[in-house]
Structure formats: structure tokens, C-alpha cells
Protein backbone atom coordinates (compact mmCIF):
# COMPACT_ATOMS: atom_id res chain seq x y z
CA UNK A 1 -61.50 -27.06 3.03
CA UNK A 2 -57.87 -26.07 2.90
CA UNK A 3 -54.88 -27.91 4.35
CA UNK A 4 -54.73 -25.90 7.58
CA UNK A 5 -58.34 -26.57 8.48
CA UNK A 6 -58.05 -30.25 7.57
CA UNK A 7 -55.01 -30.70 9.83
CA UNK A 8 -56.70 -28.89 12.72
CA UNK A 9 -59.89 -30.90 12.31
CA UNK A 10 -57.93 -34.16 12.16
CA UNK A 11 -55.90 -33.25 15.28
CA UNK A 12 -59.07 -32.37 17.16
CA UNK A 13 -60.71 -35.62 16.11
CA UNK A 14 -57.68 -37.62 17.25
CA UNK A 15 -57.71 -35.88 20.64
CA UNK A 16 -61.44 -36.45 21.17
CA UNK A 17 -61.36 -40.09 20.07
CA UNK A 18 -58.33 -40.88 22.21
CA UNK A 19 -59.93 -39.21 25.24
CA UNK A 20 -63.07 -41.29 24.76
CA UNK A 21 -61.04 -44.47 24.34
CA UNK A 22 -58.99 -43.55 27.39
CA UNK A 23 -62.14 -43.14 29.45
CA UNK A 24 -64.04 -46.22 28.26
CA UNK A 25 -61.35 -48.69 27.15
CA UNK A 26 -57.92 -48.13 28.68
CA UNK A 27 -55.99 -45.17 30.10
CA UNK A 28 -53.11 -46.07 27.78
CA UNK A 29 -55.08 -44.44 24.95
CA UNK A 30 -54.24 -41.10 26.57
CA UNK A 31 -50.74 -41.58 25.17
CA UNK A 32 -52.27 -40.92 21.75
CA UNK A 33 -53.54 -37.58 23.07
CA UNK A 34 -50.04 -36.77 24.32
CA UNK A 35 -48.56 -37.70 20.93
CA UNK A 36 -51.05 -35.48 19.10
CA UNK A 37 -50.26 -32.59 21.42
CA UNK A 38 -46.51 -32.99 21.02
CA UNK A 39 -46.90 -33.18 17.26
CA UNK A 40 -48.92 -29.95 17.25
CA UNK A 41 -46.25 -28.17 19.30
CA UNK A 42 -43.39 -29.30 17.07
CA UNK A 43 -45.41 -28.40 13.95
CA UNK A 44 -45.90 -24.90 15.32
CA UNK A 45 -42.14 -24.41 15.55
CA UNK A 46 -40.92 -26.36 12.52
CA UNK A 47 -43.82 -26.16 10.07
CA UNK A 48 -43.50 -29.92 9.45
CA UNK A 49 -46.60 -32.03 9.97
CA UNK A 50 -46.94 -35.62 8.75
CA UNK A 51 -50.73 -35.28 8.53
CA UNK A 52 -50.31 -32.26 6.25
CA UNK A 53 -48.15 -34.31 3.90
CA UNK A 54 -50.78 -37.04 3.75
CA UNK A 55 -53.63 -34.60 3.17
CA UNK A 56 -51.59 -32.94 0.43
CA UNK A 57 -51.17 -36.32 -1.28
CA UNK A 58 -54.96 -36.64 -1.27
CA UNK A 59 -55.22 -33.34 -3.10
CA UNK A 60 -56.33 -30.98 -0.34
CA UNK A 61 -55.48 -27.44 -1.44
CA UNK A 62 -52.73 -25.59 0.40
CA UNK A 63 -53.35 -23.18 3.23
CA UNK A 64 -51.05 -20.62 4.77
CA UNK A 65 -49.51 -22.62 7.62
CA UNK A 66 -48.54 -25.86 5.88
CA UNK A 67 -47.27 -25.85 2.31
């Protein structure tokens, strides 16, 4: 798995988990969904993603979007 796919999978997991928590626990968990969405939008324009930096530290090989 390369860095791009790892970031996309992580973002999708965060969205799904926060939606489930928002439904079953508290609607305030939907703020995590909003944060993930905003982070994806800013990463699309800037190329900077904190999750990509963390995955890179764990040795995930580079992709084409995040270096």
C-alpha cells in the first residue's frame, strides 16, 4: 500500500467511525467528520496532510499525491 491509498483509507475510516459515533453516542462526533472533510479539501490545494507525514514516519512508501 502506498502513501496515497493509506491516507485515503484512513480518511474514510475516520469519516465512517465519526458518523457511527455521531449516530449512536453524540451528535458532537460529527465535528470530527467536518474536520476530516476540511483537512481533505486543504490537502487537495496545498499538498500538506498531517496523516501523510505520520504514515511516512512509519515507513509507508511514497505515492504520487503526497511526498
